[in-house]
Amino acid sequence: MSGVSQTLPLGYAELLSDIKLTRALPENLGSSLPSIEQIERELQGDEA
């Protein structure tokens, strides 16, 4: 992508890189991450 990034507007190459990274992540990654509520409980010290 280095050749492409030289011809794209500033910031656009970074966006494409982020999209490419997101597509490379496993589909089930979201289900293996803690929920916002779980993180908040842990930060408050009330981990269930």
N, C-alpha and C. Protein backbone atom coordinates (compact mmCIF):
# COMPACT_ATOMS: atom_id res chain seq x y z
N MET A 1 0.81 -1.19 0.00
CA MET A 1 0.00 0.00 0.00
C MET A 1 0.86 1.26 0.00
N SER A 2 2.13 1.12 0.08
CA SER A 2 3.00 2.29 0.13
C SER A 2 2.91 3.11 -1.15
N GLY A 3 2.78 2.48 -2.29
CA GLY A 3 2.65 3.22 -3.53
C GLY A 3 1.34 3.95 -3.63
N VAL A 4 0.29 3.35 -3.12
CA VAL A 4 -1.03 3.98 -3.16
C VAL A 4 -1.09 5.16 -2.21
N SER A 5 -0.49 5.04 -1.01
CA SER A 5 -0.58 6.10 -0.02
C SER A 5 0.06 7.39 -0.49
N GLN A 6 0.97 7.33 -1.43
CA GLN A 6 1.63 8.53 -1.93
C GLN A 6 0.70 9.36 -2.83
N THR A 7 -0.34 8.76 -3.37
CA THR A 7 -1.23 9.48 -4.27
C THR A 7 -2.56 9.84 -3.63
N LEU A 8 -2.82 9.40 -2.41
CA LEU A 8 -4.08 9.68 -1.73
C LEU A 8 -3.98 10.95 -0.89
N PRO A 9 -5.13 11.61 -0.68
CA PRO A 9 -5.12 12.80 0.19
C PRO A 9 -4.69 12.42 1.61
N LEU A 10 -4.16 13.40 2.31
CA LEU A 10 -3.69 13.19 3.67
C LEU A 10 -4.83 12.64 4.54
N GLY A 11 -4.56 11.59 5.28
CA GLY A 11 -5.56 10.99 6.15
C GLY A 11 -6.31 9.84 5.51
N TYR A 12 -6.45 9.87 4.20
CA TYR A 12 -7.21 8.84 3.50
C TYR A 12 -6.47 7.50 3.53
N ALA A 13 -5.17 7.52 3.37
CA ALA A 13 -4.38 6.29 3.40
C ALA A 13 -4.48 5.65 4.78
N GLU A 14 -4.48 6.47 5.83
CA GLU A 14 -4.62 5.95 7.19
C GLU A 14 -5.98 5.30 7.37
N LEU A 15 -7.03 5.91 6.85
CA LEU A 15 -8.37 5.34 6.92
C LEU A 15 -8.41 3.99 6.22
N LEU A 16 -7.84 3.91 5.05
CA LEU A 16 -7.81 2.64 4.32
C LEU A 16 -7.04 1.58 5.09
N SER A 17 -5.97 1.98 5.74
CA SER A 17 -5.18 1.06 6.55
C SER A 17 -6.01 0.53 7.71
N ASP A 18 -6.78 1.41 8.37
CA ASP A 18 -7.65 0.99 9.47
C ASP A 18 -8.72 0.02 9.00
N ILE A 19 -9.30 0.30 7.84
CA ILE A 19 -10.32 -0.58 7.29
C ILE A 19 -9.72 -1.95 6.97
N LYS A 20 -8.54 -1.95 6.40
CA LYS A 20 -7.86 -3.20 6.05
C LYS A 20 -7.58 -4.01 7.32
N LEU A 21 -7.15 -3.34 8.38
CA LEU A 21 -6.87 -4.01 9.65
C LEU A 21 -8.15 -4.60 10.23
N THR A 22 -9.24 -3.82 10.19
CA THR A 22 -10.51 -4.29 10.73
C THR A 22 -10.99 -5.53 9.99
N ARG A 23 -10.83 -5.57 8.71
CA ARG A 23 -11.26 -6.73 7.92
C ARG A 23 -10.38 -7.95 8.21
N ALA A 24 -9.16 -7.72 8.66
CA ALA A 24 -8.25 -8.84 8.94
C ALA A 24 -8.50 -9.46 10.31
N LEU A 25 -9.27 -8.79 11.16
CA LEU A 25 -9.55 -9.32 12.49
C LEU A 25 -10.54 -10.49 12.39
N PRO A 26 -10.42 -11.47 13.28
CA PRO A 26 -11.36 -12.58 13.27
C PRO A 26 -12.78 -12.09 13.60
N GLU A 27 -13.78 -12.71 12.99
CA GLU A 27 -15.17 -12.31 13.20
C GLU A 27 -15.61 -12.50 14.65
N ASN A 28 -15.09 -13.52 15.32
CA ASN A 28 -15.54 -13.81 16.68
C ASN A 28 -14.78 -13.02 17.73
N LEU A 29 -13.99 -12.06 17.33
CA LEU A 29 -13.21 -11.28 18.28
C LEU A 29 -14.12 -10.52 19.24
N GLY A 30 -15.20 -9.94 18.74
CA GLY A 30 -16.11 -9.19 19.57
C GLY A 30 -16.69 -10.01 20.71
N SER A 31 -17.00 -11.25 20.47
CA SER A 31 -17.59 -12.08 21.52
C SER A 31 -16.57 -12.49 22.56
N SER A 32 -15.28 -12.37 22.27
CA SER A 32 -14.27 -12.75 23.24
C SER A 32 -13.79 -11.56 24.08
N LEU A 33 -14.24 -10.34 23.73
CA LEU A 33 -13.87 -9.16 24.48
C LEU A 33 -14.89 -8.90 25.59
N PRO A 34 -14.46 -8.30 26.71
CA PRO A 34 -15.41 -7.99 27.77
C PRO A 34 -16.35 -6.87 27.35
N SER A 35 -17.56 -6.87 27.92
CA SER A 35 -18.50 -5.80 27.62
C SER A 35 -18.10 -4.54 28.38
N ILE A 36 -18.69 -3.43 28.00
CA ILE A 36 -18.42 -2.16 28.69
C ILE A 36 -18.81 -2.28 30.16
N GLU A 37 -19.93 -2.95 30.42
CA GLU A 37 -20.39 -3.12 31.79
C GLU A 37 -19.39 -3.94 32.61
N GLN A 38 -18.82 -4.97 32.02
CA GLN A 38 -17.83 -5.79 32.72
C GLN A 38 -16.58 -4.96 33.04
N ILE A 39 -16.16 -4.15 32.12
CA ILE A 39 -14.99 -3.29 32.34
C ILE A 39 -15.28 -2.29 33.45
N GLU A 40 -16.47 -1.68 33.41
CA GLU A 40 -16.83 -0.70 34.45
C GLU A 40 -16.87 -1.35 35.82
N ARG A 41 -17.44 -2.56 35.93
CA ARG A 41 -17.48 -3.26 37.22
C ARG A 41 -16.07 -3.55 37.72
N GLU A 42 -15.20 -3.98 36.82
CA GLU A 42 -13.83 -4.28 37.22
C GLU A 42 -13.10 -3.03 37.71
N LEU A 43 -13.33 -1.91 37.02
CA LEU A 43 -12.68 -0.67 37.42
C LEU A 43 -13.21 -0.15 38.76
N GLN A 44 -14.46 -0.47 39.06
CA GLN A 44 -15.05 -0.05 40.33
C GLN A 44 -14.72 -1.03 41.45
N GLY A 45 -14.16 -2.17 41.13
CA GLY A 45 -13.80 -3.16 42.13
C GLY A 45 -14.94 -4.09 42.48
N ASP A 46 -16.02 -4.08 41.68
CA ASP A 46 -17.19 -4.93 41.93
C ASP A 46 -17.26 -6.08 40.95
N GLU A 47 -16.13 -6.63 40.59
CA GLU A 47 -16.10 -7.68 39.57
C GLU A 47 -16.94 -8.87 40.04
N ALA A 48 -17.86 -9.29 39.20
CA ALA A 48 -18.76 -10.41 39.54
C ALA A 48 -18.21 -11.71 39.03
